[in-house]
Amino acid sequence: MTTSVTRRLVAGTAFLLATTLLATLVTAQSGKSKESAEARLQRFADKEEIENVLLTYGRSLDSRDFATYSSLFAADGEWVGGFGSVKGPANIKAFMEKNMGTGANTSNNYHLLSNFVINVTGDTATAWSRWAFVQPQQSGGAVIAQAGRYDDTFVRENGVWKFKKRTAGNDTGRPGGAQVRPAAAPAPTPSTGQ
């Protein structure tokens, strides 16, 4: 073989290998993009941190710890719900104390939180979840007094996930016309029909 034929054969083989390699890379990239292990771990860590914010929200609401409750909101965070709407942690704290009081939760009512759907995109996130408000009854047992959903947006503020906006929607009223009474309320006297 001559030198020029050898060069053309080597160049052709190199071109064929480069084309095959490029086609393989393009095919791999055109499918679902591969997220790095580090990025996946960060996303899972972010989701866990946001889930902890959601659960801390419920615990602090039920214990009437409005200092902790309001600290879960960003500096310009907003709460929207049945009482109205308010912005900023200090205003949210004062708003909740006004509407729910500053004393202990003597009726022992509480919230059940469920169905968390959390989507993280960098330093922002959205979440959707369900809530049910449970009230113990003087006669024993408890009733779900109300139920609904939360629609949330989050922001990472100084490295910590916070509510940017929390919207509480009430989807149901009292079940089957149940008469909801705090545990401390006296039971009604049955009517004699007279």
Protein backbone atom coordinates (compact mmCIF):
# COMPACT_ATOMS: atom_id res chain seq x y z
CA MET A 1 0.00 0.00 0.00
CA THR A 2 1.11 3.46 -0.75
CA THR A 3 1.44 6.18 1.81
CA SER A 4 -1.48 8.19 0.38
CA VAL A 5 -3.77 5.14 0.42
CA THR A 6 -2.77 4.43 4.03
CA ARG A 7 -3.44 8.06 4.98
CA ARG A 8 -6.86 7.96 3.32
CA LEU A 9 -7.70 4.67 5.06
CA VAL A 10 -6.64 6.06 8.48
CA ALA A 11 -8.50 9.33 7.85
CA GLY A 12 -11.62 7.42 6.74
CA THR A 13 -11.46 5.16 9.79
CA ALA A 14 -10.95 8.15 12.08
CA PHE A 15 -13.88 9.97 10.42
CA LEU A 16 -16.09 6.89 10.79
CA LEU A 17 -15.17 6.52 14.49
CA ALA A 18 -15.75 10.24 15.15
CA THR A 19 -19.13 10.13 13.38
CA THR A 20 -20.17 7.03 15.34
CA LEU A 21 -19.07 8.62 18.61
CA LEU A 22 -20.90 11.85 17.80
CA ALA A 23 -24.07 9.95 16.84
CA THR A 24 -23.91 8.02 20.11
CA LEU A 25 -23.53 11.24 22.13
CA VAL A 26 -26.37 12.97 20.28
CA THR A 27 -28.65 9.96 20.80
CA ALA A 28 -27.81 9.84 24.52
CA GLN A 29 -28.46 13.57 24.90
CA SER A 30 -31.69 13.57 22.86
CA GLY A 31 -33.35 11.14 25.27
CA LYS A 32 -34.34 12.11 28.78
CA SER A 33 -31.51 14.25 30.09
CA LYS A 34 -29.48 12.51 32.72
CA GLU A 35 -29.47 14.38 36.00
CA SER A 36 -26.19 14.13 37.87
CA ALA A 37 -26.17 12.15 41.09
CA GLU A 38 -25.24 15.32 42.98
CA ALA A 39 -28.20 17.24 41.49
CA ARG A 40 -30.60 14.38 42.32
CA LEU A 41 -29.35 14.22 45.91
CA GLN A 42 -29.78 17.99 46.26
CA ARG A 43 -33.33 17.78 44.90
CA PHE A 44 -34.20 15.01 47.39
CA ALA A 45 -32.63 16.99 50.25
CA ASP A 46 -34.61 20.08 49.20
CA LYS A 47 -37.86 18.09 49.13
CA GLU A 48 -37.16 16.71 52.60
CA GLU A 49 -36.43 20.20 53.94
CA ILE A 50 -39.68 21.52 52.44
CA GLU A 51 -41.63 18.59 53.88
CA ASN A 52 -40.18 19.49 57.30
CA VAL A 53 -41.38 23.09 56.81
CA LEU A 54 -44.88 21.77 56.03
CA LEU A 55 -44.92 19.57 59.14
CA THR A 56 -43.45 22.27 61.40
CA TYR A 57 -46.20 24.58 60.13
CA GLY A 58 -48.84 22.11 61.32
CA ARG A 59 -47.21 21.46 64.70
CA SER A 60 -46.68 25.15 65.45
CA LEU A 61 -50.22 26.04 64.33
CA ASP A 62 -51.75 23.38 66.57
CA SER A 63 -49.60 24.34 69.56
CA ARG A 64 -50.32 28.06 68.93
CA ASP A 65 -46.58 28.74 68.68
CA PHE A 66 -46.98 31.66 66.30
CA ALA A 67 -43.34 32.78 66.67
CA THR A 68 -42.18 29.52 65.08
CA TYR A 69 -45.15 29.53 62.71
CA SER A 70 -44.40 33.01 61.34
CA SER A 71 -40.65 32.26 61.06
CA LEU A 72 -41.50 29.74 58.33
CA PHE A 73 -42.42 32.62 55.98
CA ALA A 74 -39.98 34.59 53.80
CA ALA A 75 -39.41 38.28 54.54
CA ASP A 76 -42.13 39.08 51.98
CA GLY A 77 -44.02 35.81 52.54
CA GLU A 78 -47.81 35.82 52.34
CA TRP A 79 -50.54 33.80 54.05
CA VAL A 80 -53.97 33.64 52.37
CA GLY A 81 -56.91 31.81 53.92
CA GLY A 82 -60.32 31.96 55.55
CA PHE A 83 -59.35 34.81 57.88
CA GLY A 84 -58.06 36.98 54.99
CA SER A 85 -54.50 37.58 53.83
CA VAL A 86 -51.37 39.08 55.35
CA LYS A 87 -47.71 39.59 54.38
CA GLY A 88 -44.46 39.42 56.33
CA PRO A 89 -43.57 37.24 59.36
CA ALA A 90 -44.30 39.89 62.03
CA ASN A 91 -47.69 40.71 60.48
CA ILE A 92 -48.51 37.01 60.09
CA LYS A 93 -47.70 36.39 63.77
CA ALA A 94 -49.90 39.29 64.94
CA PHE A 95 -52.68 38.25 62.53
CA MET A 96 -52.76 34.66 63.78
CA GLU A 97 -52.63 35.72 67.44
CA LYS A 98 -55.58 38.05 66.83
CA ASN A 99 -57.63 35.38 65.03
CA MET A 100 -56.68 32.32 67.09
CA GLY A 101 -55.61 33.77 70.43
CA THR A 102 -52.36 33.56 72.33
CA GLY A 103 -53.30 30.94 74.91
CA ALA A 104 -52.81 27.20 74.84
CA ASN A 105 -54.88 24.96 72.60
CA THR A 106 -57.20 23.86 75.43
CA SER A 107 -59.74 22.21 73.10
CA ASN A 108 -56.95 19.94 71.77
CA ASN A 109 -58.01 20.34 68.16
CA TYR A 110 -55.42 19.55 65.51
CA HIS A 111 -54.66 19.34 61.80
CA LEU A 112 -53.94 16.23 59.75
CA LEU A 113 -51.61 17.02 56.84
CA SER A 114 -51.21 14.68 53.87
CA ASN A 115 -50.66 14.10 50.15
CA PHE A 116 -47.56 16.28 49.78
CA VAL A 117 -46.61 16.96 46.16
CA ILE A 118 -43.40 18.98 46.06
CA ASN A 119 -41.62 20.24 42.93
CA VAL A 120 -38.23 21.93 43.25
CA THR A 121 -36.63 24.16 40.61
CA GLY A 122 -33.35 25.59 41.86
CA ASP A 123 -34.08 28.04 44.70
CA THR A 124 -37.86 28.00 44.23
CA ALA A 125 -40.44 25.29 44.70
CA THR A 126 -44.17 24.60 44.67
CA ALA A 127 -46.14 22.27 46.91
CA TRP A 128 -49.69 21.02 47.11
CA SER A 129 -51.15 19.16 50.06
CA ARG A 130 -54.34 18.29 51.91
CA TRP A 131 -55.40 19.25 55.42
CA ALA A 132 -58.18 18.17 57.75
CA PHE A 133 -59.12 20.00 60.96
CA VAL A 134 -60.03 17.55 63.72
CA GLN A 135 -62.03 18.52 66.80
CA PRO A 136 -62.36 16.20 69.80
CA GLN A 137 -65.90 15.78 71.10
CA GLN A 138 -67.00 15.95 74.73
CA SER A 139 -68.77 12.63 74.29
CA GLY A 140 -65.52 11.02 73.10
CA GLY A 141 -64.14 10.54 69.65
CA ALA A 142 -63.56 13.36 67.21
CA VAL A 143 -64.96 14.82 64.02
CA ILE A 144 -63.35 16.34 60.99
CA ALA A 145 -64.77 19.83 61.23
CA GLN A 146 -63.26 21.11 57.97
CA ALA A 147 -60.98 19.90 55.20
CA GLY A 148 -59.18 21.46 52.31
CA ARG A 149 -55.90 21.97 50.51
CA TYR A 150 -52.81 24.13 50.57
CA ASP A 151 -51.26 25.62 47.44
CA ASP A 152 -47.75 26.81 48.22
CA THR A 153 -44.79 28.54 46.66
CA PHE A 154 -41.42 28.40 48.38
CA VAL A 155 -38.18 30.31 48.12
CA ARG A 156 -34.76 29.49 49.52
CA GLU A 157 -33.95 32.53 51.68
CA ASN A 158 -30.43 32.68 53.17
CA GLY A 159 -30.09 28.93 52.55
CA VAL A 160 -33.38 28.04 54.29
CA TRP A 161 -36.66 27.06 52.59
CA LYS A 162 -39.52 29.45 53.46
CA PHE A 163 -43.09 29.99 52.33
CA LYS A 164 -43.25 32.68 49.66
CA LYS A 165 -47.03 32.25 49.58
CA ARG A 166 -49.34 29.81 51.34
CA THR A 167 -52.95 29.65 50.22
CA ALA A 168 -55.30 27.61 52.41
CA GLY A 169 -58.49 26.54 50.64
CA ASN A 170 -61.48 25.04 52.44
CA ASP A 171 -63.10 22.32 50.33
CA THR A 172 -65.72 21.02 52.76
CA GLY A 173 -67.78 22.07 55.71
CA ARG A 174 -68.88 19.96 58.63
CA PRO A 175 -69.58 16.33 57.71
CA GLY A 176 -73.24 15.36 57.60
CA GLY A 177 -74.31 18.42 59.54
CA ALA A 178 -72.31 17.26 62.58
CA GLN A 179 -72.50 19.66 65.46
CA VAL A 180 -68.93 20.56 66.31
CA ARG A 181 -68.24 21.43 69.94
CA PRO A 182 -64.95 22.04 71.68
CA ALA A 183 -64.16 19.41 74.31
CA ALA A 184 -64.88 21.93 77.10
CA ALA A 185 -68.34 22.91 75.81
CA PRO A 186 -71.37 21.44 77.58
CA ALA A 187 -73.48 18.95 75.69
CA PRO A 188 -76.87 20.27 74.57
CA THR A 189 -79.89 19.11 76.57
CA PRO A 190 -82.14 16.84 74.52
CA SER A 191 -85.44 18.42 73.57
CA THR A 192 -88.57 16.95 75.10
CA GLY A 193 -90.75 18.22 72.26
CA GLN A 194 -92.99 20.20 74.65
